[in-house]
Amino acid sequence: MKLAVEKTVILAYGTNQTSWKVTDTEPDIEAAIVAKYLGIEINIQGRNLIKPRESKMIGGARAYAHTIMGCT
């Protein structure tokens, strides 16, 4: 297996290190706060990856809670 350094991003927050050296022949891997994974933008300072799923789950839980409260 070979690491595709040009496609690799290290999501780093709160560190002074801005790049990581894998080998002497490959370019350094750069640190980032935002990256794309499978077409989805991942931001380590926000909750944009899980927010839609979280909102859907909370909405479903509220609907079940209202149904249960209506039965009691």
PDB file of N, CA and C in Angstrom:
ATOM      1  N   MET A   1       0.845  -1.173   0.000  1.00  0.00           N
ATOM      2  CA  MET A   1       0.000   0.000   0.000  1.00  0.00           C
ATOM      3  C   MET A   1       0.888   1.233   0.000  1.00  0.00           C
ATOM      4  N   LYS A   2       0.347   2.289  -0.575  1.00  0.00           N
ATOM      5  CA  LYS A   2       1.082   3.540  -0.628  1.00  0.00           C
ATOM      6  C   LYS A   2       0.158   4.677  -0.228  1.00  0.00           C
ATOM      7  N   LEU A   3       0.645   5.558   0.599  1.00  0.00           N
ATOM      8  CA  LEU A   3      -0.108   6.726   1.032  1.00  0.00           C
ATOM      9  C   LEU A   3      -0.112   7.763  -0.084  1.00  0.00           C
ATOM     10  N   ALA A   4      -1.295   8.229  -0.466  1.00  0.00           N
ATOM     11  CA  ALA A   4      -1.414   9.282  -1.477  1.00  0.00           C
ATOM     12  C   ALA A   4      -1.295  10.633  -0.777  1.00  0.00           C
ATOM     13  N   VAL A   5      -0.076  11.106  -0.656  1.00  0.00           N
ATOM     14  CA  VAL A   5       0.191  12.325   0.097  1.00  0.00           C
ATOM     15  C   VAL A   5      -0.555  13.519  -0.486  1.00  0.00           C
ATOM     16  N   GLU A   6      -0.679  13.571  -1.812  1.00  0.00           N
ATOM     17  CA  GLU A   6      -1.362  14.705  -2.436  1.00  0.00           C
ATOM     18  C   GLU A   6      -2.848  14.736  -2.119  1.00  0.00           C
ATOM     19  N   LYS A   7      -3.435  13.633  -1.686  1.00  0.00           N
ATOM     20  CA  LYS A   7      -4.848  13.570  -1.325  1.00  0.00           C
ATOM     21  C   LYS A   7      -5.055  13.570   0.187  1.00  0.00           C
ATOM     22  N   THR A   8      -3.979  13.561   0.940  1.00  0.00           N
ATOM     23  CA  THR A   8      -4.057  13.435   2.390  1.00  0.00           C
ATOM     24  C   THR A   8      -4.054  14.804   3.054  1.00  0.00           C
ATOM     25  N   VAL A   9      -4.942  14.980   4.026  1.00  0.00           N
ATOM     26  CA  VAL A   9      -5.013  16.212   4.807  1.00  0.00           C
ATOM     27  C   VAL A   9      -5.072  15.816   6.274  1.00  0.00           C
ATOM     28  N   ILE A  10      -4.346  16.523   7.092  1.00  0.00           N
ATOM     29  CA  ILE A  10      -4.419  16.309   8.532  1.00  0.00           C
ATOM     30  C   ILE A  10      -5.255  17.440   9.111  1.00  0.00           C
ATOM     31  N   LEU A  11      -6.364  17.086   9.735  1.00  0.00           N
ATOM     32  CA  LEU A  11      -7.197  18.085  10.382  1.00  0.00           C
ATOM     33  C   LEU A  11      -6.591  18.375  11.747  1.00  0.00           C
ATOM     34  N   ALA A  12      -6.089  19.576  11.906  1.00  0.00           N
ATOM     35  CA  ALA A  12      -5.385  19.924  13.136  1.00  0.00           C
ATOM     36  C   ALA A  12      -5.936  21.223  13.691  1.00  0.00           C
ATOM     37  N   TYR A  13      -6.121  21.242  14.981  1.00  0.00           N
ATOM     38  CA  TYR A  13      -6.609  22.431  15.652  1.00  0.00           C
ATOM     39  C   TYR A  13      -5.876  22.548  16.976  1.00  0.00           C
ATOM     40  N   GLY A  14      -5.403  23.700  17.284  1.00  0.00           N
ATOM     41  CA  GLY A  14      -4.732  23.917  18.563  1.00  0.00           C
ATOM     42  C   GLY A  14      -3.297  23.434  18.592  1.00  0.00           C
ATOM     43  N   THR A  15      -2.673  23.315  17.436  1.00  0.00           N
ATOM     44  CA  THR A  15      -1.274  22.914  17.384  1.00  0.00           C
ATOM     45  C   THR A  15      -0.509  23.924  16.541  1.00  0.00           C
ATOM     46  N   ASN A  16       0.760  24.103  16.836  1.00  0.00           N
ATOM     47  CA  ASN A  16       1.587  25.021  16.063  1.00  0.00           C
ATOM     48  C   ASN A  16       2.176  24.350  14.839  1.00  0.00           C
ATOM     49  N   GLN A  17       2.081  23.050  14.766  1.00  0.00           N
ATOM     50  CA  GLN A  17       2.649  22.309  13.639  1.00  0.00           C
ATOM     51  C   GLN A  17       1.737  22.459  12.430  1.00  0.00           C
ATOM     52  N   THR A  18       2.306  22.888  11.293  1.00  0.00           N
ATOM     53  CA  THR A  18       1.495  23.128  10.100  1.00  0.00           C
ATOM     54  C   THR A  18       1.706  22.082   9.024  1.00  0.00           C
ATOM     55  N   SER A  19       2.719  21.233   9.164  1.00  0.00           N
ATOM     56  CA  SER A  19       2.935  20.177   8.176  1.00  0.00           C
ATOM     57  C   SER A  19       3.661  19.009   8.834  1.00  0.00           C
ATOM     58  N   TRP A  20       3.489  17.825   8.238  1.00  0.00           N
ATOM     59  CA  TRP A  20       4.087  16.605   8.746  1.00  0.00           C
ATOM     60  C   TRP A  20       4.872  15.937   7.627  1.00  0.00           C
ATOM     61  N   LYS A  21       6.050  15.486   7.921  1.00  0.00           N
ATOM     62  CA  LYS A  21       6.902  14.819   6.938  1.00  0.00           C
ATOM     63  C   LYS A  21       6.715  13.310   7.082  1.00  0.00           C
ATOM     64  N   VAL A  22       6.363  12.651   5.976  1.00  0.00           N
ATOM     65  CA  VAL A  22       6.158  11.204   5.977  1.00  0.00           C
ATOM     66  C   VAL A  22       7.458  10.511   5.598  1.00  0.00           C
ATOM     67  N   THR A  23       8.012  10.895   4.465  1.00  0.00           N
ATOM     68  CA  THR A  23       9.310  10.359   4.021  1.00  0.00           C
ATOM     69  C   THR A  23      10.121  11.503   3.435  1.00  0.00           C
ATOM     70  N   ASP A  24      11.385  11.244   3.177  1.00  0.00           N
ATOM     71  CA  ASP A  24      12.241  12.270   2.599  1.00  0.00           C
ATOM     72  C   ASP A  24      11.909  12.540   1.137  1.00  0.00           C
ATOM     73  N   THR A  25      11.324  11.570   0.445  1.00  0.00           N
ATOM     74  CA  THR A  25      11.050  11.725  -0.979  1.00  0.00           C
ATOM     75  C   THR A  25       9.673  12.312  -1.271  1.00  0.00           C
ATOM     76  N   GLU A  26       8.738  12.181  -0.342  1.00  0.00           N
ATOM     77  CA  GLU A  26       7.376  12.679  -0.541  1.00  0.00           C
ATOM     78  C   GLU A  26       7.260  14.109  -0.015  1.00  0.00           C
ATOM     79  N   PRO A  27       6.344  14.889  -0.578  1.00  0.00           N
ATOM     80  CA  PRO A  27       6.107  16.231  -0.017  1.00  0.00           C
ATOM     81  C   PRO A  27       5.453  16.127   1.361  1.00  0.00           C
ATOM     82  N   ASP A  28       5.553  17.186   2.119  1.00  0.00           N
ATOM     83  CA  ASP A  28       4.957  17.210   3.453  1.00  0.00           C
ATOM     84  C   ASP A  28       3.434  17.205   3.354  1.00  0.00           C
ATOM     85  N   ILE A  29       2.786  16.666   4.387  1.00  0.00           N
ATOM     86  CA  ILE A  29       1.328  16.697   4.483  1.00  0.00           C
ATOM     87  C   ILE A  29       0.973  17.962   5.252  1.00  0.00           C
ATOM     88  N   GLU A  30       0.125  18.778   4.645  1.00  0.00           N
ATOM     89  CA  GLU A  30      -0.238  20.061   5.237  1.00  0.00           C
ATOM     90  C   GLU A  30      -1.409  19.916   6.200  1.00  0.00           C
ATOM     91  N   ALA A  31      -1.383  20.717   7.247  1.00  0.00           N
ATOM     92  CA  ALA A  31      -2.488  20.753   8.202  1.00  0.00           C
ATOM     93  C   ALA A  31      -3.588  21.653   7.657  1.00  0.00           C
ATOM     94  N   ALA A  32      -4.818  21.359   8.003  1.00  0.00           N
ATOM     95  CA  ALA A  32      -5.955  22.156   7.552  1.00  0.00           C
ATOM     96  C   ALA A  32      -7.025  22.160   8.633  1.00  0.00           C
ATOM     97  N   ILE A  33      -7.908  23.126   8.539  1.00  0.00           N
ATOM     98  CA  ILE A  33      -9.059  23.179   9.443  1.00  0.00           C
ATOM     99  C   ILE A  33     -10.293  22.638   8.735  1.00  0.00           C
ATOM    100  N   VAL A  34     -10.310  22.719   7.396  1.00  0.00           N
ATOM    101  CA  VAL A  34     -11.429  22.247   6.582  1.00  0.00           C
ATOM    102  C   VAL A  34     -10.890  21.303   5.520  1.00  0.00           C
ATOM    103  N   ALA A  35     -11.586  20.186   5.303  1.00  0.00           N
ATOM    104  CA  ALA A  35     -11.197  19.228   4.264  1.00  0.00           C
ATOM    105  C   ALA A  35     -12.452  18.574   3.715  1.00  0.00           C
ATOM    106  N   LYS A  36     -12.337  17.964   2.553  1.00  0.00           N
ATOM    107  CA  LYS A  36     -13.450  17.212   1.978  1.00  0.00           C
ATOM    108  C   LYS A  36     -13.156  15.726   2.081  1.00  0.00           C
ATOM    109  N   TYR A  37     -14.176  14.958   2.468  1.00  0.00           N
ATOM    110  CA  TYR A  37     -14.080  13.506   2.538  1.00  0.00           C
ATOM    111  C   TYR A  37     -15.327  12.944   1.888  1.00  0.00           C
ATOM    112  N   LEU A  38     -15.158  12.192   0.812  1.00  0.00           N
ATOM    113  CA  LEU A  38     -16.265  11.626   0.045  1.00  0.00           C
ATOM    114  C   LEU A  38     -17.269  12.701  -0.365  1.00  0.00           C
ATOM    115  N   GLY A  39     -16.747  13.874  -0.722  1.00  0.00           N
ATOM    116  CA  GLY A  39     -17.587  14.966  -1.185  1.00  0.00           C
ATOM    117  C   GLY A  39     -18.247  15.781  -0.089  1.00  0.00           C
ATOM    118  N   ILE A  40     -18.007  15.426   1.166  1.00  0.00           N
ATOM    119  CA  ILE A  40     -18.606  16.148   2.284  1.00  0.00           C
ATOM    120  C   ILE A  40     -17.519  17.004   2.934  1.00  0.00           C
ATOM    121  N   GLU A  41     -17.825  18.282   3.114  1.00  0.00           N
ATOM    122  CA  GLU A  41     -16.868  19.170   3.756  1.00  0.00           C
ATOM    123  C   GLU A  41     -16.873  18.949   5.257  1.00  0.00           C
ATOM    124  N   ILE A  42     -15.699  18.690   5.798  1.00  0.00           N
ATOM    125  CA  ILE A  42     -15.549  18.466   7.235  1.00  0.00           C
ATOM    126  C   ILE A  42     -14.823  19.665   7.811  1.00  0.00           C
ATOM    127  N   ASN A  43     -15.392  20.248   8.847  1.00  0.00           N
ATOM    128  CA  ASN A  43     -14.822  21.413   9.497  1.00  0.00           C
ATOM    129  C   ASN A  43     -14.645  21.067  10.960  1.00  0.00           C
ATOM    130  N   ILE A  44     -13.413  21.074  11.445  1.00  0.00           N
ATOM    131  CA  ILE A  44     -13.192  20.635  12.821  1.00  0.00           C
ATOM    132  C   ILE A  44     -13.627  21.672  13.842  1.00  0.00           C
ATOM    133  N   GLN A  45     -13.923  22.894  13.389  1.00  0.00           N
ATOM    134  CA  GLN A  45     -14.388  23.899  14.331  1.00  0.00           C
ATOM    135  C   GLN A  45     -15.906  23.967  14.402  1.00  0.00           C
ATOM    136  N   GLY A  46     -16.576  23.255  13.534  1.00  0.00           N
ATOM    137  CA  GLY A  46     -18.031  23.308  13.532  1.00  0.00           C
ATOM    138  C   GLY A  46     -18.637  21.922  13.600  1.00  0.00           C
ATOM    139  N   ARG A  47     -19.942  21.882  13.486  1.00  0.00           N
ATOM    140  CA  ARG A  47     -20.630  20.599  13.545  1.00  0.00           C
ATOM    141  C   ARG A  47     -21.362  20.349  12.253  1.00  0.00           C
ATOM    142  N   ASN A  48     -20.813  20.864  11.120  1.00  0.00           N
ATOM    143  CA  ASN A  48     -21.519  20.759   9.863  1.00  0.00           C
ATOM    144  C   ASN A  48     -21.634  19.338   9.342  1.00  0.00           C
ATOM    145  N   LEU A  49     -20.842  18.421   9.839  1.00  0.00           N
ATOM    146  CA  LEU A  49     -20.922  17.039   9.375  1.00  0.00           C
ATOM    147  C   LEU A  49     -22.076  16.294  10.045  1.00  0.00           C
ATOM    148  N   ILE A  50     -22.268  16.503  11.337  1.00  0.00           N
ATOM    149  CA  ILE A  50     -23.285  15.746  12.069  1.00  0.00           C
ATOM    150  C   ILE A  50     -24.567  16.528  12.317  1.00  0.00           C
ATOM    151  N   LYS A  51     -24.558  17.825  12.091  1.00  0.00           N
ATOM    152  CA  LYS A  51     -25.721  18.647  12.403  1.00  0.00           C
ATOM    153  C   LYS A  51     -26.995  18.190  11.687  1.00  0.00           C
ATOM    154  N   PRO A  52     -26.974  17.911  10.367  1.00  0.00           N
ATOM    155  CA  PRO A  52     -28.221  17.463   9.722  1.00  0.00           C
ATOM    156  C   PRO A  52     -28.750  16.151  10.306  1.00  0.00           C
ATOM    157  N   ARG A  53     -27.878  15.200  10.554  1.00  0.00           N
ATOM    158  CA  ARG A  53     -28.302  13.912  11.139  1.00  0.00           C
ATOM    159  C   ARG A  53     -28.816  14.123  12.561  1.00  0.00           C
ATOM    160  N   GLU A  54     -28.127  14.967  13.316  1.00  0.00           N
ATOM    161  CA  GLU A  54     -28.547  15.247  14.680  1.00  0.00           C
ATOM    162  C   GLU A  54     -29.933  15.896  14.696  1.00  0.00           C
ATOM    163  N   SER A  55     -30.164  16.851  13.812  1.00  0.00           N
ATOM    164  CA  SER A  55     -31.463  17.521  13.739  1.00  0.00           C
ATOM    165  C   SER A  55     -32.574  16.537  13.399  1.00  0.00           C
ATOM    166  N   LYS A  56     -32.301  15.620  12.469  1.00  0.00           N
ATOM    167  CA  LYS A  56     -33.298  14.619  12.084  1.00  0.00           C
ATOM    168  C   LYS A  56     -33.621  13.692  13.259  1.00  0.00           C
ATOM    169  N   MET A  57     -32.609  13.282  14.000  1.00  0.00           N
ATOM    170  CA  MET A  57     -32.826  12.390  15.142  1.00  0.00           C
ATOM    171  C   MET A  57     -33.595  13.105  16.253  1.00  0.00           C
ATOM    172  N   ILE A  58     -33.271  14.358  16.518  1.00  0.00           N
ATOM    173  CA  ILE A  58     -33.990  15.114  17.552  1.00  0.00           C
ATOM    174  C   ILE A  58     -35.445  15.308  17.155  1.00  0.00           C
ATOM    175  N   GLY A  59     -35.686  15.610  15.870  1.00  0.00           N
ATOM    176  CA  GLY A  59     -37.066  15.757  15.390  1.00  0.00           C
ATOM    177  C   GLY A  59     -37.858  14.472  15.563  1.00  0.00           C
ATOM    178  N   GLY A  60     -37.249  13.330  15.238  1.00  0.00           N
ATOM    179  CA  GLY A  60     -37.908  12.036  15.417  1.00  0.00           C
ATOM    180  C   GLY A  60     -38.196  11.745  16.877  1.00  0.00           C
ATOM    181  N   ALA A  61     -37.248  12.060  17.733  1.00  0.00           N
ATOM    182  CA  ALA A  61     -37.437  11.825  19.172  1.00  0.00           C
ATOM    183  C   ALA A  61     -38.571  12.693  19.714  1.00  0.00           C
ATOM    184  N   ARG A  62     -38.657  13.930  19.256  1.00  0.00           N
ATOM    185  CA  ARG A  62     -39.746  14.810  19.700  1.00  0.00           C
ATOM    186  C   ARG A  62     -41.103  14.272  19.248  1.00  0.00           C
ATOM    187  N   ALA A  63     -41.149  13.765  18.015  1.00  0.00           N
ATOM    188  CA  ALA A  63     -42.413  13.202  17.515  1.00  0.00           C
ATOM    189  C   ALA A  63     -42.838  12.003  18.356  1.00  0.00           C
ATOM    190  N   TYR A  64     -41.899  11.125  18.690  1.00  0.00           N
ATOM    191  CA  TYR A  64     -42.224   9.980  19.539  1.00  0.00           C
ATOM    192  C   TYR A  64     -42.648  10.434  20.930  1.00  0.00           C
ATOM    193  N   ALA A  65     -41.966  11.450  21.448  1.00  0.00           N
ATOM    194  CA  ALA A  65     -42.323  11.960  22.785  1.00  0.00           C
ATOM    195  C   ALA A  65     -43.733  12.505  22.798  1.00  0.00           C
ATOM    196  N   HIS A  66     -44.112  13.261  21.748  1.00  0.00           N
ATOM    197  CA  HIS A  66     -45.478  13.794  21.675  1.00  0.00           C
ATOM    198  C   HIS A  66     -46.504  12.671  21.578  1.00  0.00           C
ATOM    199  N   THR A  67     -46.181  11.630  20.826  1.00  0.00           N
ATOM    200  CA  THR A  67     -47.086  10.480  20.700  1.00  0.00           C
ATOM    201  C   THR A  67     -47.269   9.793  22.053  1.00  0.00           C
ATOM    202  N   ILE A  68     -46.179   9.592  22.759  1.00  0.00           N
ATOM    203  CA  ILE A  68     -46.241   8.949  24.074  1.00  0.00           C
ATOM    204  C   ILE A  68     -47.027   9.811  25.055  1.00  0.00           C
ATOM    205  N   MET A  69     -46.770  11.119  25.025  1.00  0.00           N
ATOM    206  CA  MET A  69     -47.490  12.021  25.943  1.00  0.00           C
ATOM    207  C   MET A  69     -48.985  12.035  25.616  1.00  0.00           C
ATOM    208  N   GLY A  70     -49.332  11.901  24.336  1.00  0.00           N
ATOM    209  CA  GLY A  70     -50.735  11.864  23.939  1.00  0.00           C
ATOM    210  C   GLY A  70     -51.430  10.592  24.409  1.00  0.00           C
ATOM    211  N   CYS A  71     -50.692   9.503  24.540  1.00  0.00           N
ATOM    212  CA  CYS A  71     -51.269   8.227  24.971  1.00  0.00           C
ATOM    213  C   CYS A  71     -51.468   8.162  26.477  1.00  0.00           C
ATOM    214  N   THR A  72     -50.770   8.999  27.209  1.00  0.00           N
ATOM    215  CA  THR A  72     -50.867   8.912  28.669  1.00  0.00           C
ATOM    216  C   THR A  72     -51.894   9.828  29.264  1.00  0.00           C
TER     217      THR A  72
END
